[in-house]
Amino acid sequence: MSAMTSKRIYVRWQTEFAAAIVSVLCLATAHADETVSGRFELMDHHGEVVTEASFNGQYRLVFFGFTRCPVICPTTMIEVTRAMKALGDRADRVQPLFVTIDPGNDTVDVVASYVNHFHPSIVGLTGSKHQIADAAKSFSVTFGGADAGTDASAEIYHSSYLYLMKEDGSFLDVFGYGAKAETIVETLDKYL
C-alpha cells in the first residue's frame, strides 16, 4: 500500500469519524418537533419539482447524503432497502427520500442513477445550493466540506440521521447511523 493510499484511507476515516461526532452532537436538536419542520422544495430524480406535501398520506424515511459518499450513505440506503422489502405490502405506505447535500455534483441524472441501485421506491432529491441548505435546515441537518465538482468526497461531512416523518410531513422519530432494517421496521410497525 502506497503512502498516498494510506493517507486517503486515514482522511476518509477521519471524515467518517467527524460525521459520526457531528451526528451525536446534533442528536439533541433532532428530537424536537419544533426543530424538525421537514419543509422543502426540491427536484426529484425524474426532474419534477416536489415539496413535502407531494408525499402527504405516506410516512417518510428521509436521509441527507451524497452520491459519492463511500460508506455512510450506501450503508444507510441498503438498510432502507432491506426495511422496505421487509414491509411487504405495507411498503406503499412509506416513502423513502434521499436528499443530496452535494447539488453541484449530484444532478438529477446522477441522483437517478444512484437511487436506482437501491429499492425502486426511493426518490432522490436535488436542487440549488440554496434549496438544499433550506431543506437541510428544516431537518436540522449539518453538512459541509469540499466544493462540489471536486473529487474530494472524503472531505465532505454530513449528519447521518434517518428521519421518520408522519403522513402529514411532521416529525415523528429519528434513527441514528447504523440503524438496521429490523429496527426501522419495528418502529414503523407501531404506526402502520
N, C-alpha and C. Protein backbone atom coordinates (compact mmCIF):
# COMPACT_ATOMS: atom_id res chain seq x y z
N MET A 1 0.85 -1.16 0.00
CA MET A 1 0.00 0.00 0.00
C MET A 1 0.90 1.23 0.00
N SER A 2 0.57 2.14 -0.91
CA SER A 2 1.40 3.34 -1.02
C SER A 2 1.09 4.31 0.12
N ALA A 3 1.98 5.25 0.33
CA ALA A 3 1.77 6.27 1.36
C ALA A 3 0.55 7.12 1.02
N MET A 4 0.33 7.39 -0.27
CA MET A 4 -0.82 8.19 -0.69
C MET A 4 -2.13 7.46 -0.41
N THR A 5 -2.16 6.15 -0.68
CA THR A 5 -3.35 5.35 -0.39
C THR A 5 -3.61 5.31 1.11
N SER A 6 -2.57 5.12 1.90
CA SER A 6 -2.72 5.13 3.36
C SER A 6 -3.27 6.46 3.84
N LYS A 7 -2.77 7.54 3.28
CA LYS A 7 -3.23 8.87 3.68
C LYS A 7 -4.71 9.05 3.32
N ARG A 8 -5.12 8.59 2.14
CA ARG A 8 -6.53 8.72 1.74
C ARG A 8 -7.43 7.91 2.66
N ILE A 9 -7.02 6.71 3.01
CA ILE A 9 -7.80 5.89 3.93
C ILE A 9 -7.91 6.59 5.28
N TYR A 10 -6.81 7.13 5.77
CA TYR A 10 -6.82 7.83 7.05
C TYR A 10 -7.72 9.06 6.99
N VAL A 11 -7.65 9.83 5.91
CA VAL A 11 -8.50 11.02 5.76
C VAL A 11 -9.96 10.60 5.69
N ARG A 12 -10.26 9.52 4.96
CA ARG A 12 -11.64 9.03 4.87
C ARG A 12 -12.12 8.62 6.26
N TRP A 13 -11.28 7.90 7.02
CA TRP A 13 -11.65 7.50 8.38
C TRP A 13 -11.92 8.73 9.23
N GLN A 14 -11.02 9.73 9.15
CA GLN A 14 -11.21 10.96 9.93
C GLN A 14 -12.53 11.62 9.57
N THR A 15 -12.85 11.67 8.30
CA THR A 15 -14.08 12.31 7.84
C THR A 15 -15.30 11.56 8.37
N GLU A 16 -15.29 10.24 8.28
CA GLU A 16 -16.42 9.46 8.77
C GLU A 16 -16.53 9.57 10.29
N PHE A 17 -15.42 9.60 10.97
CA PHE A 17 -15.43 9.78 12.42
C PHE A 17 -16.01 11.15 12.77
N ALA A 18 -15.59 12.18 12.04
CA ALA A 18 -16.11 13.53 12.28
C ALA A 18 -17.61 13.59 12.02
N ALA A 19 -18.07 12.90 10.96
CA ALA A 19 -19.50 12.87 10.67
C ALA A 19 -20.26 12.20 11.81
N ALA A 20 -19.70 11.14 12.36
CA ALA A 20 -20.34 10.46 13.48
C ALA A 20 -20.42 11.38 14.70
N ILE A 21 -19.36 12.11 14.96
CA ILE A 21 -19.35 13.05 16.09
C ILE A 21 -20.38 14.14 15.88
N VAL A 22 -20.43 14.69 14.66
CA VAL A 22 -21.42 15.73 14.34
C VAL A 22 -22.81 15.17 14.56
N SER A 23 -23.05 13.93 14.13
CA SER A 23 -24.36 13.32 14.31
C SER A 23 -24.73 13.21 15.79
N VAL A 24 -23.80 12.79 16.60
CA VAL A 24 -24.04 12.67 18.04
C VAL A 24 -24.35 14.04 18.64
N LEU A 25 -23.59 15.04 18.25
CA LEU A 25 -23.81 16.38 18.78
C LEU A 25 -25.14 16.98 18.36
N CYS A 26 -25.62 16.57 17.18
CA CYS A 26 -26.88 17.12 16.67
C CYS A 26 -28.09 16.35 17.17
N LEU A 27 -27.88 15.21 17.81
CA LEU A 27 -28.99 14.36 18.22
C LEU A 27 -29.99 15.11 19.09
N ALA A 28 -29.53 15.92 20.00
CA ALA A 28 -30.44 16.64 20.89
C ALA A 28 -31.40 17.52 20.11
N THR A 29 -30.92 18.15 19.05
CA THR A 29 -31.81 19.03 18.28
C THR A 29 -32.72 18.24 17.37
N ALA A 30 -32.37 17.01 17.02
CA ALA A 30 -33.18 16.24 16.08
C ALA A 30 -34.39 15.59 16.74
N HIS A 31 -34.52 15.67 18.05
CA HIS A 31 -35.63 15.03 18.73
C HIS A 31 -36.87 15.90 18.86
N ALA A 32 -36.79 17.17 18.70
CA ALA A 32 -37.93 18.05 18.97
C ALA A 32 -38.70 18.36 17.70
N ASP A 33 -40.03 18.26 17.80
CA ASP A 33 -40.90 18.58 16.66
C ASP A 33 -40.63 19.96 16.11
N GLU A 34 -40.44 20.93 17.00
CA GLU A 34 -40.26 22.31 16.55
C GLU A 34 -38.93 22.55 15.85
N THR A 35 -37.98 21.67 16.05
CA THR A 35 -36.67 21.81 15.41
C THR A 35 -36.67 21.19 14.02
N VAL A 36 -37.45 20.14 13.81
CA VAL A 36 -37.51 19.46 12.52
C VAL A 36 -38.88 19.72 11.90
N SER A 37 -38.91 20.70 10.99
CA SER A 37 -40.18 21.02 10.33
C SER A 37 -40.40 20.15 9.11
N GLY A 38 -39.31 19.70 8.47
CA GLY A 38 -39.42 18.82 7.32
C GLY A 38 -39.89 19.49 6.04
N ARG A 39 -39.76 20.80 5.95
CA ARG A 39 -40.21 21.52 4.75
C ARG A 39 -39.12 21.53 3.69
N PHE A 40 -39.54 21.42 2.43
CA PHE A 40 -38.59 21.52 1.32
C PHE A 40 -39.32 21.75 0.01
N GLU A 41 -38.58 22.30 -0.93
CA GLU A 41 -39.00 22.36 -2.33
C GLU A 41 -37.77 22.01 -3.15
N LEU A 42 -37.80 20.82 -3.75
CA LEU A 42 -36.65 20.28 -4.45
C LEU A 42 -37.09 19.63 -5.77
N MET A 43 -36.15 19.09 -6.50
CA MET A 43 -36.45 18.39 -7.74
C MET A 43 -36.16 16.91 -7.54
N ASP A 44 -37.14 16.08 -7.94
CA ASP A 44 -36.92 14.64 -7.79
C ASP A 44 -36.06 14.10 -8.92
N HIS A 45 -35.72 12.83 -8.85
CA HIS A 45 -34.81 12.24 -9.82
C HIS A 45 -35.45 12.00 -11.19
N HIS A 46 -36.71 12.44 -11.34
CA HIS A 46 -37.37 12.42 -12.65
C HIS A 46 -37.45 13.82 -13.23
N GLY A 47 -36.93 14.82 -12.49
CA GLY A 47 -36.94 16.20 -12.97
C GLY A 47 -38.19 16.98 -12.60
N GLU A 48 -39.01 16.45 -11.69
CA GLU A 48 -40.24 17.11 -11.25
C GLU A 48 -40.01 17.84 -9.94
N VAL A 49 -40.58 19.04 -9.82
CA VAL A 49 -40.50 19.81 -8.58
C VAL A 49 -41.45 19.18 -7.56
N VAL A 50 -40.94 18.93 -6.37
CA VAL A 50 -41.74 18.34 -5.30
C VAL A 50 -41.52 19.12 -4.01
N THR A 51 -42.50 19.03 -3.13
CA THR A 51 -42.40 19.59 -1.78
C THR A 51 -42.73 18.48 -0.80
N GLU A 52 -42.66 18.80 0.48
CA GLU A 52 -43.03 17.80 1.48
C GLU A 52 -44.49 17.38 1.30
N ALA A 53 -45.35 18.29 0.81
CA ALA A 53 -46.77 17.98 0.61
C ALA A 53 -46.99 16.98 -0.53
N SER A 54 -46.01 16.84 -1.42
CA SER A 54 -46.13 15.88 -2.53
C SER A 54 -46.23 14.45 -2.01
N PHE A 55 -45.82 14.21 -0.79
CA PHE A 55 -45.80 12.86 -0.24
C PHE A 55 -46.80 12.69 0.90
N ASN A 56 -47.75 13.65 1.03
CA ASN A 56 -48.77 13.54 2.07
C ASN A 56 -49.55 12.24 1.89
N GLY A 57 -49.89 11.65 3.02
CA GLY A 57 -50.58 10.36 3.01
C GLY A 57 -49.64 9.19 3.20
N GLN A 58 -48.34 9.45 3.16
CA GLN A 58 -47.35 8.40 3.37
C GLN A 58 -46.39 8.81 4.48
N TYR A 59 -45.97 7.82 5.26
CA TYR A 59 -44.86 8.07 6.17
C TYR A 59 -43.63 8.25 5.30
N ARG A 60 -42.63 8.99 5.80
CA ARG A 60 -41.42 9.20 5.02
C ARG A 60 -40.20 8.82 5.83
N LEU A 61 -39.25 8.21 5.15
CA LEU A 61 -37.92 7.98 5.69
C LEU A 61 -37.01 8.91 4.91
N VAL A 62 -36.46 9.92 5.57
CA VAL A 62 -35.69 10.96 4.88
C VAL A 62 -34.24 10.90 5.32
N PHE A 63 -33.35 10.83 4.33
CA PHE A 63 -31.92 10.78 4.60
C PHE A 63 -31.20 11.79 3.73
N PHE A 64 -30.28 12.54 4.33
CA PHE A 64 -29.45 13.51 3.61
C PHE A 64 -28.06 12.91 3.43
N GLY A 65 -27.54 12.96 2.22
CA GLY A 65 -26.23 12.42 1.94
C GLY A 65 -25.74 12.89 0.57
N PHE A 66 -24.84 12.13 -0.02
CA PHE A 66 -24.35 12.47 -1.36
C PHE A 66 -23.92 11.20 -2.08
N THR A 67 -24.00 11.24 -3.38
CA THR A 67 -23.82 10.02 -4.17
C THR A 67 -22.40 9.48 -4.14
N ARG A 68 -21.41 10.31 -3.88
CA ARG A 68 -20.01 9.85 -3.84
C ARG A 68 -19.58 9.42 -2.44
N CYS A 69 -20.50 9.43 -1.51
CA CYS A 69 -20.21 9.05 -0.12
C CYS A 69 -19.74 7.60 -0.10
N PRO A 70 -18.59 7.34 0.51
CA PRO A 70 -18.02 5.99 0.45
C PRO A 70 -18.65 4.96 1.38
N VAL A 71 -19.23 5.39 2.51
CA VAL A 71 -19.69 4.40 3.49
C VAL A 71 -21.07 4.72 4.06
N ILE A 72 -21.23 5.86 4.68
CA ILE A 72 -22.44 6.19 5.44
C ILE A 72 -23.70 6.12 4.57
N CYS A 73 -23.67 6.77 3.42
CA CYS A 73 -24.86 6.84 2.57
C CYS A 73 -25.25 5.49 1.98
N PRO A 74 -24.32 4.77 1.35
CA PRO A 74 -24.75 3.49 0.79
C PRO A 74 -25.19 2.48 1.85
N THR A 75 -24.55 2.47 3.00
CA THR A 75 -24.99 1.51 4.03
C THR A 75 -26.37 1.88 4.56
N THR A 76 -26.65 3.17 4.69
CA THR A 76 -27.99 3.59 5.13
C THR A 76 -29.02 3.23 4.08
N MET A 77 -28.72 3.47 2.81
CA MET A 77 -29.67 3.16 1.74
C MET A 77 -29.90 1.65 1.63
N ILE A 78 -28.89 0.86 1.92
CA ILE A 78 -29.05 -0.60 1.92
C ILE A 78 -30.01 -1.01 3.04
N GLU A 79 -29.88 -0.41 4.22
CA GLU A 79 -30.78 -0.74 5.33
C GLU A 79 -32.21 -0.28 5.03
N VAL A 80 -32.35 0.87 4.39
CA VAL A 80 -33.69 1.34 3.98
C VAL A 80 -34.28 0.36 2.96
N THR A 81 -33.48 -0.09 2.02
CA THR A 81 -33.92 -1.06 1.03
C THR A 81 -34.38 -2.35 1.71
N ARG A 82 -33.60 -2.82 2.65
CA ARG A 82 -33.97 -4.04 3.39
C ARG A 82 -35.27 -3.83 4.17
N ALA A 83 -35.43 -2.66 4.77
CA ALA A 83 -36.65 -2.36 5.52
C ALA A 83 -37.86 -2.33 4.60
N MET A 84 -37.71 -1.70 3.44
CA MET A 84 -38.83 -1.61 2.51
C MET A 84 -39.24 -3.01 2.04
N LYS A 85 -38.27 -3.86 1.77
CA LYS A 85 -38.58 -5.24 1.36
C LYS A 85 -39.28 -5.99 2.48
N ALA A 86 -38.82 -5.79 3.72
CA ALA A 86 -39.41 -6.49 4.87
C ALA A 86 -40.84 -6.04 5.14
N LEU A 87 -41.18 -4.82 4.76
CA LEU A 87 -42.54 -4.31 4.98
C LEU A 87 -43.56 -4.99 4.07
N GLY A 88 -43.09 -5.57 2.99
CA GLY A 88 -44.01 -6.26 2.08
C GLY A 88 -45.08 -5.33 1.53
N ASP A 89 -46.35 -5.76 1.66
CA ASP A 89 -47.48 -4.99 1.13
C ASP A 89 -47.65 -3.64 1.80
N ARG A 90 -47.09 -3.49 2.99
CA ARG A 90 -47.24 -2.22 3.71
C ARG A 90 -46.25 -1.17 3.24
N ALA A 91 -45.29 -1.55 2.40
CA ALA A 91 -44.26 -0.61 1.94
C ALA A 91 -44.85 0.57 1.18
N ASP A 92 -46.02 0.39 0.58
CA ASP A 92 -46.60 1.51 -0.17
C ASP A 92 -47.07 2.65 0.74
N ARG A 93 -47.08 2.42 2.03
CA ARG A 93 -47.45 3.48 2.99
C ARG A 93 -46.24 4.28 3.45
N VAL A 94 -45.04 3.91 2.95
CA VAL A 94 -43.79 4.57 3.35
C VAL A 94 -43.06 5.05 2.11
N GLN A 95 -42.63 6.30 2.14
CA GLN A 95 -41.87 6.87 1.02
C GLN A 95 -40.46 7.21 1.48
N PRO A 96 -39.46 6.45 1.03
CA PRO A 96 -38.07 6.80 1.36
C PRO A 96 -37.59 7.92 0.44
N LEU A 97 -36.89 8.90 1.02
CA LEU A 97 -36.35 10.03 0.28
C LEU A 97 -34.86 10.17 0.56
N PHE A 98 -34.06 10.28 -0.51
CA PHE A 98 -32.63 10.54 -0.40
C PHE A 98 -32.41 11.96 -0.90
N VAL A 99 -31.95 12.85 -0.01
CA VAL A 99 -31.73 14.25 -0.36
C VAL A 99 -30.23 14.50 -0.42
N THR A 100 -29.74 14.93 -1.59
CA THR A 100 -28.31 15.19 -1.71
C THR A 100 -27.92 16.47 -0.98
N ILE A 101 -26.72 16.48 -0.45
CA ILE A 101 -26.14 17.70 0.14
C ILE A 101 -25.02 18.23 -0.76
N ASP A 102 -24.92 17.62 -1.95
CA ASP A 102 -23.88 17.99 -2.91
C ASP A 102 -24.51 18.28 -4.28
N PRO A 103 -25.33 19.33 -4.38
CA PRO A 103 -26.05 19.57 -5.63
C PRO A 103 -25.15 19.93 -6.81
N GLY A 104 -23.94 20.41 -6.55
CA GLY A 104 -23.02 20.72 -7.63
C GLY A 104 -22.60 19.48 -8.40
N ASN A 105 -22.51 18.36 -7.73
CA ASN A 105 -22.16 17.09 -8.37
C ASN A 105 -23.41 16.25 -8.64
N ASP A 106 -24.33 16.26 -7.70
CA ASP A 106 -25.49 15.36 -7.76
C ASP A 106 -26.65 15.99 -8.52
N THR A 107 -26.52 15.96 -9.84
CA THR A 107 -27.57 16.44 -10.72
C THR A 107 -28.73 15.46 -10.70
N VAL A 108 -29.80 15.81 -11.38
CA VAL A 108 -30.96 14.92 -11.47
C VAL A 108 -30.53 13.55 -12.00
N ASP A 109 -29.74 13.54 -13.07
CA ASP A 109 -29.31 12.27 -13.67
C ASP A 109 -28.41 11.46 -12.74
N VAL A 110 -27.51 12.13 -12.04
CA VAL A 110 -26.60 11.43 -11.12
C VAL A 110 -27.40 10.84 -9.95
N VAL A 111 -28.33 11.61 -9.40
CA VAL A 111 -29.15 11.12 -8.29
C VAL A 111 -30.03 9.97 -8.77
N ALA A 112 -30.58 10.07 -9.99
CA ALA A 112 -31.41 8.99 -10.53
C ALA A 112 -30.60 7.69 -10.64
N SER A 113 -29.40 7.80 -11.15
CA SER A 113 -28.54 6.63 -11.27
C SER A 113 -28.23 6.04 -9.90
N TYR A 114 -27.98 6.89 -8.91
CA TYR A 114 -27.64 6.44 -7.56
C TYR A 114 -28.82 5.69 -6.91
N VAL A 115 -29.99 6.31 -6.88
CA VAL A 115 -31.11 5.67 -6.19
C VAL A 115 -31.57 4.41 -6.89
N ASN A 116 -31.30 4.29 -8.18
CA ASN A 116 -31.69 3.08 -8.92
C ASN A 116 -30.90 1.85 -8.48
N HIS A 117 -29.85 2.04 -7.69
CA HIS A 117 -29.09 0.91 -7.15
C HIS A 117 -29.75 0.31 -5.91
N PHE A 118 -30.78 0.98 -5.42
CA PHE A 118 -31.41 0.56 -4.16
C PHE A 118 -32.88 0.21 -4.43
N HIS A 119 -33.71 0.33 -3.42
CA HIS A 119 -35.13 -0.04 -3.57
C HIS A 119 -35.81 0.87 -4.59
N PRO A 120 -36.67 0.32 -5.45
CA PRO A 120 -37.29 1.13 -6.50
C PRO A 120 -38.19 2.26 -5.98
N SER A 121 -38.61 2.19 -4.74
CA SER A 121 -39.48 3.25 -4.20
C SER A 121 -38.71 4.48 -3.73
N ILE A 122 -37.40 4.37 -3.59
CA ILE A 122 -36.61 5.50 -3.09
C ILE A 122 -36.63 6.63 -4.11
N VAL A 123 -36.98 7.82 -3.65
CA VAL A 123 -36.98 9.01 -4.50
C VAL A 123 -35.75 9.83 -4.15
N GLY A 124 -34.96 10.16 -5.16
CA GLY A 124 -33.80 11.01 -4.96
C GLY A 124 -34.17 12.46 -5.19
N LEU A 125 -33.65 13.35 -4.35
CA LEU A 125 -33.97 14.77 -4.44
C LEU A 125 -32.71 15.61 -4.53
N THR A 126 -32.75 16.62 -5.38
CA THR A 126 -31.66 17.57 -5.53
C THR A 126 -32.27 18.96 -5.73
N GLY A 127 -31.42 19.93 -5.90
CA GLY A 127 -31.89 21.31 -6.10
C GLY A 127 -30.70 22.25 -6.13
N SER A 128 -30.98 23.52 -6.01
CA SER A 128 -29.91 24.51 -5.95
C SER A 128 -29.24 24.44 -4.57
N LYS A 129 -28.08 25.07 -4.45
CA LYS A 129 -27.42 25.12 -3.14
C LYS A 129 -28.34 25.73 -2.09
N HIS A 130 -29.05 26.78 -2.48
CA HIS A 130 -29.96 27.46 -1.55
C HIS A 130 -31.10 26.53 -1.13
N GLN A 131 -31.69 25.82 -2.09
CA GLN A 131 -32.79 24.90 -1.77
C GLN A 131 -32.32 23.77 -0.86
N ILE A 132 -31.13 23.24 -1.14
CA ILE A 132 -30.60 22.17 -0.31
C ILE A 132 -30.32 22.68 1.10
N ALA A 133 -29.75 23.87 1.20
CA ALA A 133 -29.47 24.45 2.52
C ALA A 133 -30.76 24.65 3.30
N ASP A 134 -31.81 25.13 2.64
CA ASP A 134 -33.11 25.32 3.30
C ASP A 134 -33.70 23.99 3.77
N ALA A 135 -33.63 22.99 2.90
CA ALA A 135 -34.15 21.67 3.27
C ALA A 135 -33.38 21.09 4.45
N ALA A 136 -32.05 21.19 4.38
CA ALA A 136 -31.21 20.68 5.47
C ALA A 136 -31.54 21.39 6.79
N LYS A 137 -31.71 22.69 6.71
CA LYS A 137 -32.05 23.46 7.93
C LYS A 137 -33.38 23.00 8.51
N SER A 138 -34.34 22.68 7.65
CA SER A 138 -35.66 22.27 8.14
C SER A 138 -35.62 20.90 8.81
N PHE A 139 -34.53 20.16 8.61
CA PHE A 139 -34.34 18.86 9.27
C PHE A 139 -33.22 18.92 10.32
N SER A 140 -32.68 20.09 10.56
CA SER A 140 -31.54 20.26 11.48
C SER A 140 -30.34 19.43 11.05
N VAL A 141 -30.14 19.31 9.74
CA VAL A 141 -29.01 18.56 9.18
C VAL A 141 -27.82 19.50 9.05
N THR A 142 -26.65 19.02 9.42
CA THR A 142 -25.42 19.79 9.23
C THR A 142 -24.60 19.11 8.15
N PHE A 143 -23.92 19.94 7.35
CA PHE A 143 -23.05 19.40 6.31
C PHE A 143 -22.08 20.48 5.86
N GLY A 144 -21.04 20.06 5.18
CA GLY A 144 -20.06 21.00 4.66
C GLY A 144 -18.87 20.24 4.12
N GLY A 145 -17.83 20.99 3.79
CA GLY A 145 -16.61 20.35 3.31
C GLY A 145 -16.23 20.78 1.92
N ALA A 146 -15.72 19.85 1.15
CA ALA A 146 -15.17 20.12 -0.18
C ALA A 146 -16.20 20.74 -1.10
N ASP A 147 -15.72 21.59 -2.01
CA ASP A 147 -16.60 22.18 -3.00
C ASP A 147 -17.10 21.11 -3.95
N ALA A 148 -18.32 21.30 -4.40
CA ALA A 148 -18.91 20.38 -5.36
C ALA A 148 -18.07 20.36 -6.63
N GLY A 149 -18.13 19.25 -7.31
CA GLY A 149 -17.41 19.13 -8.56
C GLY A 149 -15.97 18.71 -8.39
N THR A 150 -15.47 18.66 -7.17
CA THR A 150 -14.11 18.18 -6.94
C THR A 150 -14.17 16.68 -6.70
N ASP A 151 -13.06 16.05 -6.66
CA ASP A 151 -13.01 14.61 -6.40
C ASP A 151 -12.67 14.36 -4.93
N ALA A 152 -13.11 15.26 -4.08
CA ALA A 152 -12.73 15.20 -2.67
C ALA A 152 -13.88 14.73 -1.80
N SER A 153 -14.52 13.61 -2.18
CA SER A 153 -15.66 13.14 -1.41
C SER A 153 -15.30 12.84 0.04
N ALA A 154 -14.05 12.48 0.30
CA ALA A 154 -13.63 12.17 1.67
C ALA A 154 -13.61 13.41 2.55
N GLU A 155 -13.68 14.59 1.93
CA GLU A 155 -13.65 15.83 2.69
C GLU A 155 -15.03 16.40 2.96
N ILE A 156 -16.08 15.73 2.49
CA ILE A 156 -17.45 16.18 2.73
C ILE A 156 -17.95 15.50 4.01
N TYR A 157 -18.58 16.27 4.87
CA TYR A 157 -19.17 15.69 6.07
C TYR A 157 -20.66 16.03 6.13
N HIS A 158 -21.40 15.21 6.82
CA HIS A 158 -22.83 15.46 6.99
C HIS A 158 -23.34 14.65 8.17
N SER A 159 -24.39 15.18 8.80
CA SER A 159 -25.01 14.39 9.85
C SER A 159 -25.67 13.19 9.17
N SER A 160 -25.85 12.14 9.90
CA SER A 160 -26.23 10.88 9.27
C SER A 160 -27.47 10.25 9.89
N TYR A 161 -28.48 11.08 10.10
CA TYR A 161 -29.74 10.58 10.65
C TYR A 161 -30.70 10.18 9.56
N LEU A 162 -31.52 9.22 9.87
CA LEU A 162 -32.64 8.82 9.03
C LEU A 162 -33.89 9.28 9.77
N TYR A 163 -34.61 10.22 9.18
CA TYR A 163 -35.77 10.82 9.82
C TYR A 163 -37.04 10.08 9.42
N LEU A 164 -37.88 9.79 10.41
CA LEU A 164 -39.20 9.24 10.16
C LEU A 164 -40.19 10.37 10.33
N MET A 165 -40.91 10.66 9.26
CA MET A 165 -41.88 11.74 9.26
C MET A 165 -43.28 11.14 9.17
N LYS A 166 -44.25 11.81 9.79
CA LYS A 166 -45.64 11.34 9.76
C LYS A 166 -46.24 11.51 8.37
N GLU A 167 -47.45 11.02 8.23
CA GLU A 167 -48.16 11.11 6.96
C GLU A 167 -48.45 12.54 6.53
N ASP A 168 -48.47 13.46 7.49
CA ASP A 168 -48.68 14.87 7.15
C ASP A 168 -47.35 15.62 7.01
N GLY A 169 -46.25 14.92 7.12
CA GLY A 169 -44.93 15.52 6.94
C GLY A 169 -44.28 16.03 8.20
N SER A 170 -44.96 15.93 9.33
CA SER A 170 -44.37 16.39 10.59
C SER A 170 -43.45 15.31 11.17
N PHE A 171 -42.56 15.76 12.03
CA PHE A 171 -41.55 14.88 12.63
C PHE A 171 -42.18 13.83 13.53
N LEU A 172 -41.67 12.59 13.43
CA LEU A 172 -42.14 11.50 14.28
C LEU A 172 -41.01 10.87 15.08
N ASP A 173 -39.90 10.53 14.40
CA ASP A 173 -38.80 9.85 15.09
C ASP A 173 -37.53 10.00 14.26
N VAL A 174 -36.41 9.57 14.83
CA VAL A 174 -35.14 9.63 14.14
C VAL A 174 -34.33 8.38 14.46
N PHE A 175 -33.61 7.88 13.45
CA PHE A 175 -32.72 6.74 13.62
C PHE A 175 -31.29 7.23 13.47
N GLY A 176 -30.42 6.82 14.36
CA GLY A 176 -29.01 7.16 14.25
C GLY A 176 -28.33 6.33 13.19
N TYR A 177 -27.13 6.76 12.80
CA TYR A 177 -26.37 6.00 11.80
C TYR A 177 -26.13 4.57 12.30
N GLY A 178 -26.30 3.65 11.41
CA GLY A 178 -26.08 2.25 11.75
C GLY A 178 -27.36 1.51 12.11
N ALA A 179 -28.50 2.22 12.11
CA ALA A 179 -29.77 1.55 12.41
C ALA A 179 -30.01 0.45 11.39
N LYS A 180 -30.33 -0.70 11.86
CA LYS A 180 -30.58 -1.85 10.99
C LYS A 180 -32.02 -1.85 10.50
N ALA A 181 -32.25 -2.54 9.42
CA ALA A 181 -33.59 -2.63 8.84
C ALA A 181 -34.61 -3.13 9.85
N GLU A 182 -34.20 -4.07 10.68
CA GLU A 182 -35.11 -4.63 11.68
C GLU A 182 -35.59 -3.56 12.66
N THR A 183 -34.71 -2.65 13.03
CA THR A 183 -35.08 -1.56 13.94
C THR A 183 -36.04 -0.60 13.25
N ILE A 184 -35.77 -0.30 12.00
CA ILE A 184 -36.64 0.60 11.23
C ILE A 184 -38.03 -0.01 11.11
N VAL A 185 -38.10 -1.29 10.76
CA VAL A 185 -39.39 -1.98 10.59
C VAL A 185 -40.12 -2.06 11.93
N GLU A 186 -39.40 -2.37 12.98
CA GLU A 186 -40.01 -2.46 14.33
C GLU A 186 -40.66 -1.12 14.69
N THR A 187 -40.00 -0.02 14.38
CA THR A 187 -40.57 1.30 14.67
C THR A 187 -41.76 1.57 13.78
N LEU A 188 -41.64 1.29 12.48
CA LEU A 188 -42.75 1.51 11.56
C LEU A 188 -43.97 0.67 11.93
N ASP A 189 -43.74 -0.53 12.47
CA ASP A 189 -44.84 -1.41 12.87
C ASP A 189 -45.77 -0.74 13.88
N LYS A 190 -45.26 0.19 14.65
CA LYS A 190 -46.08 0.90 15.63
C LYS A 190 -47.11 1.81 14.96
N TYR A 191 -46.85 2.21 13.72
CA TYR A 191 -47.68 3.20 13.05
C TYR A 191 -48.43 2.69 11.84
N LEU A 192 -47.95 1.61 11.24
CA LEU A 192 -48.61 1.12 10.01
C LEU A 192 -49.76 0.18 10.32
